[in-house]
Amino acid sequence: MILGMKNIGRKFSRAFRKVTGSSSSRSSSHRSSTPTPSFTHHDEQAESQAPEEQVEQLEEEALDDSHIDLRGEREHQAYNILKGRTFGHTWEFDEDLLEKTCMDTEFASVWKAVGWSSFAEISEMGSRDLTIQFLCTLVETDNGVSFQFFGNQFAISWRDLSTVLGFHHKCTTDIEQATRGYHKESFWQSISGLTTYSQPRCNDIQHPTLRLMHKWLALTCFPREDVRTVRIDELRILYAMVNKIKIAPVQEMVRQWLGNF
């Protein structure tokens, strides 16, 4: 079944919001888009409860995932890995910090140059159930991905996936072809001043905009515990940004998701 963009795009987008933030690292220079909950009488009761009572209450309130449709050993194995994970929202730079340092206009300029203006603005809340269903059934195909939602099997091409996620229609999903002039060692030397490419770190990047842009990439597209390291994919994306090449790294992002379990 080919994915109907209007029927499934929003649900897929909500799942993506959770996927990208499921393992983001916290930092004092970032803030979550999740609102701060107000303190209620229920919270007072929870604090006054004994630890044993709190554990029992948590067990009673445990989410029922029996409605999630899983097929085959691989999907059940993926579910066993994911079911106990905490799915946090994607962390973002503090808006006041960006404005005071003029990085808000710098970021907007970079996103426009590479066709990411719509992709960069993520404001929807995610869905835990959709995220688990999506990740457990996600499979890379010859020209895109397939997954299950609501008991139905869907297939979507890299091009359509790029559109669903908000990348500009002129963005190419073949990053290697689009950046064929890229040379890892020489580009790293040009942005870091280092003559050797060995365990590259974000703080080695000399230009402040590019350095913060890498941190944004690590938080949003390739979330992980240590966002200080510069991945090979991220360095190539930085090359595209410097050279204003419109790209959509959907293949690299999907492989990041699949590599988490």
Protein backbone atom coordinates (compact mmCIF):
# COMPACT_ATOMS: atom_id res chain seq x y z
CA MET A 1 0.00 0.00 0.00
CA ILE A 2 1.38 3.39 -0.94
CA LEU A 3 1.20 6.04 1.75
CA GLY A 4 -1.54 8.66 1.30
CA MET A 5 0.11 11.92 2.22
CA LYS A 6 -3.00 13.70 3.44
CA ASN A 7 -4.35 10.77 5.45
CA ILE A 8 -1.22 9.63 7.28
CA GLY A 9 1.25 12.51 7.05
CA ARG A 10 0.19 14.25 10.29
CA LYS A 11 0.20 11.01 12.30
CA PHE A 12 3.62 10.12 10.95
CA SER A 13 4.84 13.64 11.75
CA ARG A 14 3.74 13.25 15.37
CA ALA A 15 5.63 9.98 15.66
CA PHE A 16 8.71 11.65 14.17
CA ARG A 17 8.61 14.38 16.81
CA LYS A 18 9.10 11.69 19.42
CA VAL A 19 11.67 9.72 17.45
CA THR A 20 13.99 12.69 17.14
CA GLY A 21 13.80 13.52 20.81
CA SER A 22 13.79 10.06 22.34
CA SER A 23 17.44 10.17 23.43
CA SER A 24 18.35 13.84 23.43
CA SER A 25 20.84 15.08 26.02
CA ARG A 26 20.03 17.89 28.39
CA SER A 27 22.15 21.00 28.53
CA SER A 28 22.00 24.28 30.43
CA SER A 29 22.02 26.15 27.13
CA HIS A 30 18.94 24.30 25.88
CA ARG A 31 15.37 24.03 27.00
CA SER A 32 12.63 21.53 26.35
CA SER A 33 9.50 22.47 24.45
CA THR A 34 7.47 20.58 27.09
CA PRO A 35 5.48 22.97 29.34
CA THR A 36 6.35 22.97 33.03
CA PRO A 37 3.52 21.25 34.96
CA SER A 38 1.77 23.15 37.71
CA PHE A 39 1.95 21.89 41.31
CA THR A 40 -1.40 20.39 42.35
CA HIS A 41 -2.97 18.72 45.38
CA HIS A 42 -2.37 15.39 43.63
CA ASP A 43 1.36 16.13 43.71
CA GLU A 44 1.18 16.77 47.46
CA GLN A 45 -0.47 13.40 47.97
CA ALA A 46 2.18 11.68 45.86
CA GLU A 47 4.98 13.22 47.95
CA SER A 48 3.34 12.08 51.19
CA GLN A 49 2.98 8.49 50.00
CA ALA A 50 5.40 5.81 51.13
CA PRO A 51 7.81 4.51 48.43
CA GLU A 52 5.98 1.14 48.36
CA GLU A 53 2.64 2.89 47.75
CA GLN A 54 4.14 4.99 44.97
CA VAL A 55 5.52 1.88 43.24
CA GLU A 56 2.11 0.19 43.43
CA GLN A 57 0.45 3.30 42.02
CA LEU A 58 2.92 3.47 39.16
CA GLU A 59 2.29 -0.18 38.33
CA GLU A 60 -1.45 0.47 38.27
CA GLU A 61 -0.96 3.46 35.97
CA ALA A 62 1.42 1.55 33.65
CA LEU A 63 0.55 2.02 30.01
CA ASP A 64 -1.27 -0.80 28.25
CA ASP A 65 0.47 -1.48 24.94
CA SER A 66 -1.70 -4.48 24.03
CA HIS A 67 -3.29 -2.47 21.20
CA ILE A 68 0.06 -2.02 19.43
CA ASP A 69 0.08 -4.31 16.39
CA LEU A 70 3.33 -6.30 16.23
CA ARG A 71 4.13 -9.06 13.78
CA GLY A 72 7.07 -11.43 13.83
CA GLU A 73 10.02 -11.96 16.13
CA ARG A 74 11.95 -8.87 15.00
CA GLU A 75 9.12 -6.48 15.88
CA HIS A 76 8.58 -8.08 19.29
CA GLN A 77 12.30 -7.87 20.02
CA ALA A 78 12.28 -4.19 19.08
CA TYR A 79 9.27 -3.64 21.34
CA ASN A 80 11.01 -5.28 24.31
CA ILE A 81 13.92 -2.86 23.84
CA LEU A 82 11.75 0.24 23.44
CA LYS A 83 8.91 -0.32 25.92
CA GLY A 84 10.92 0.72 28.96
CA ARG A 85 12.52 3.79 27.42
CA THR A 86 11.60 7.34 28.28
CA PHE A 87 10.57 9.34 25.22
CA GLY A 88 11.50 12.96 25.84
CA HIS A 89 10.84 15.92 23.62
CA THR A 90 13.57 17.38 21.45
CA TRP A 91 15.71 19.94 23.25
CA GLU A 92 16.20 23.32 21.68
CA PHE A 93 18.32 26.41 22.15
CA ASP A 94 16.92 29.09 24.41
CA GLU A 95 15.21 31.69 22.22
CA ASP A 96 16.48 34.60 24.32
CA LEU A 97 20.05 33.32 24.00
CA LEU A 98 19.74 33.04 20.22
CA GLU A 99 18.26 36.52 19.93
CA LYS A 100 20.88 38.17 22.15
CA THR A 101 23.71 36.57 20.16
CA CYS A 102 21.96 37.24 16.80
CA MET A 103 22.06 33.51 16.16
CA ASP A 104 18.32 33.47 15.46
CA THR A 105 18.90 35.32 12.17
CA GLU A 106 22.01 33.23 11.46
CA PHE A 107 20.08 29.99 11.93
CA ALA A 108 17.20 31.21 9.76
CA SER A 109 19.65 32.12 7.01
CA VAL A 110 21.29 28.69 7.09
CA TRP A 111 17.97 26.83 7.13
CA LYS A 112 16.72 28.84 4.15
CA ALA A 113 19.92 28.14 2.21
CA VAL A 114 19.62 24.36 2.62
CA GLY A 115 15.81 24.16 2.39
CA TRP A 116 15.13 23.38 6.05
CA SER A 117 12.94 26.33 7.08
CA SER A 118 9.79 24.22 7.54
CA PHE A 119 11.64 21.19 8.92
CA ALA A 120 13.39 23.26 11.59
CA GLU A 121 10.16 24.58 13.12
CA ILE A 122 8.82 21.68 15.19
CA SER A 123 6.03 22.62 17.57
CA GLU A 124 3.71 19.59 17.78
CA MET A 125 3.57 17.24 20.74
CA GLY A 126 4.54 13.65 20.08
CA SER A 127 2.76 10.34 20.66
CA ARG A 128 4.42 7.53 22.60
CA ASP A 129 2.17 4.83 21.08
CA LEU A 130 2.71 6.01 17.51
CA THR A 131 6.44 6.23 18.12
CA ILE A 132 6.70 2.66 19.40
CA GLN A 133 4.48 1.33 16.61
CA PHE A 134 6.53 3.19 14.01
CA LEU A 135 9.97 2.20 15.30
CA CYS A 136 9.08 -1.46 15.91
CA THR A 137 7.79 -1.91 12.36
CA LEU A 138 10.20 0.41 10.53
CA VAL A 139 12.11 -1.28 7.69
CA GLU A 140 14.39 0.32 5.10
CA THR A 141 13.44 -0.66 1.55
CA ASP A 142 15.16 -0.18 -1.81
CA ASN A 143 13.86 3.36 -2.28
CA GLY A 144 12.43 4.37 1.09
CA VAL A 145 10.89 2.83 4.19
CA SER A 146 7.88 0.74 5.20
CA PHE A 147 6.07 0.68 8.55
CA GLN A 148 2.71 -0.10 10.14
CA PHE A 149 0.04 2.19 11.53
CA PHE A 150 -3.40 1.08 12.79
CA GLY A 151 -3.05 -2.46 11.44
CA ASN A 152 -2.12 -1.30 7.93
CA GLN A 153 1.20 -1.60 6.13
CA PHE A 154 2.52 1.57 4.50
CA ALA A 155 5.41 2.30 2.17
CA ILE A 156 6.89 5.70 1.46
CA SER A 157 9.73 6.78 -0.81
CA TRP A 158 12.69 8.85 0.36
CA ARG A 159 11.32 11.76 -1.65
CA ASP A 160 7.88 11.60 -0.04
CA LEU A 161 9.41 11.11 3.40
CA SER A 162 11.42 14.27 2.85
CA THR A 163 8.22 16.14 1.98
CA VAL A 164 6.32 14.81 5.02
CA LEU A 165 9.10 15.97 7.34
CA GLY A 166 9.05 19.47 5.89
CA PHE A 167 12.18 19.63 3.76
CA HIS A 168 11.99 21.87 0.67
CA HIS A 169 10.89 20.15 -2.52
CA LYS A 170 14.23 21.01 -4.13
CA CYS A 171 16.19 19.13 -1.46
CA THR A 172 17.89 15.97 -2.68
CA THR A 173 17.89 12.83 -0.54
CA ASP A 174 21.15 11.58 -2.09
CA ILE A 175 23.60 13.51 0.06
CA GLU A 176 26.74 11.83 -1.27
CA GLN A 177 25.83 12.76 -4.84
CA ALA A 178 24.92 16.33 -3.88
CA THR A 179 28.19 16.81 -1.97
CA ARG A 180 30.52 15.00 -4.36
CA GLY A 181 33.11 17.76 -3.88
CA TYR A 182 33.30 16.98 -0.16
CA HIS A 183 36.57 15.72 1.31
CA LYS A 184 36.39 14.82 4.98
CA GLU A 185 39.95 15.69 6.06
CA SER A 186 40.29 18.92 4.11
CA PHE A 187 36.86 20.24 5.13
CA TRP A 188 37.52 19.44 8.78
CA GLN A 189 40.81 21.31 8.57
CA SER A 190 39.06 24.32 7.01
CA ILE A 191 36.52 24.65 9.84
CA SER A 192 38.68 23.57 12.78
CA GLY A 193 42.23 24.56 11.83
CA LEU A 194 43.39 21.07 12.79
CA THR A 195 45.66 19.21 10.38
CA THR A 196 44.42 15.75 11.38
CA TYR A 197 40.95 14.24 11.48
CA SER A 198 40.90 12.27 14.70
CA GLN A 199 37.98 12.08 17.15
CA PRO A 200 36.46 15.40 15.96
CA ARG A 201 34.66 17.40 18.62
CA CYS A 202 32.10 20.17 18.31
CA ASN A 203 34.25 22.61 20.29
CA ASP A 204 37.01 22.27 17.69
CA ILE A 205 34.82 24.08 15.13
CA GLN A 206 36.02 27.66 15.01
CA HIS A 207 33.04 29.49 13.52
CA PRO A 208 30.40 30.07 16.26
CA THR A 209 27.41 29.70 13.93
CA LEU A 210 28.69 26.43 12.50
CA ARG A 211 29.57 25.18 15.98
CA LEU A 212 26.06 25.84 17.30
CA MET A 213 24.52 24.48 14.11
CA HIS A 214 26.32 21.19 14.70
CA LYS A 215 24.93 21.07 18.23
CA TRP A 216 21.44 21.64 16.79
CA LEU A 217 21.98 18.80 14.30
CA ALA A 218 23.09 16.47 17.07
CA LEU A 219 20.05 17.33 19.20
CA THR A 220 17.42 17.27 16.45
CA CYS A 221 18.47 14.89 13.66
CA PHE A 222 20.84 12.49 15.39
CA PRO A 223 19.95 12.59 19.12
CA ARG A 224 22.24 10.72 21.48
CA GLU A 225 23.79 11.01 24.93
CA ASP A 226 27.05 12.69 23.86
CA VAL A 227 26.36 15.48 21.36
CA ARG A 228 29.92 16.82 21.57
CA THR A 229 31.23 14.36 18.99
CA VAL A 230 31.00 15.18 15.27
CA ARG A 231 29.62 12.23 13.31
CA ILE A 232 30.65 11.58 9.72
CA ASP A 233 27.11 12.28 8.49
CA GLU A 234 26.97 15.52 10.45
CA LEU A 235 30.26 16.75 9.01
CA ARG A 236 28.98 16.16 5.48
CA ILE A 237 25.78 18.06 6.33
CA LEU A 238 27.85 20.96 7.65
CA TYR A 239 29.69 20.96 4.31
CA ALA A 240 26.32 21.24 2.53
CA MET A 241 25.34 24.13 4.80
CA VAL A 242 28.57 26.01 4.16
CA ASN A 243 28.12 25.54 0.41
CA LYS A 244 24.34 26.22 0.45
CA ILE A 245 23.43 22.82 -1.01
CA LYS A 246 19.80 21.82 -0.52
CA ILE A 247 19.75 18.37 1.03
CA ALA A 248 17.35 16.20 3.03
CA PRO A 249 19.26 13.70 5.21
CA VAL A 250 16.28 11.37 5.62
CA GLN A 251 18.24 8.22 4.80
CA GLU A 252 20.87 9.04 7.42
CA MET A 253 18.20 9.87 10.00
CA VAL A 254 16.30 6.62 9.43
CA ARG A 255 19.51 4.61 9.80
CA GLN A 256 20.14 6.45 13.06
CA TRP A 257 16.71 5.39 14.32
CA LEU A 258 17.22 1.77 13.24
CA GLY A 259 20.66 1.74 14.84
CA ASN A 260 19.21 2.48 18.28
CA PHE A 261 18.02 -1.12 18.76
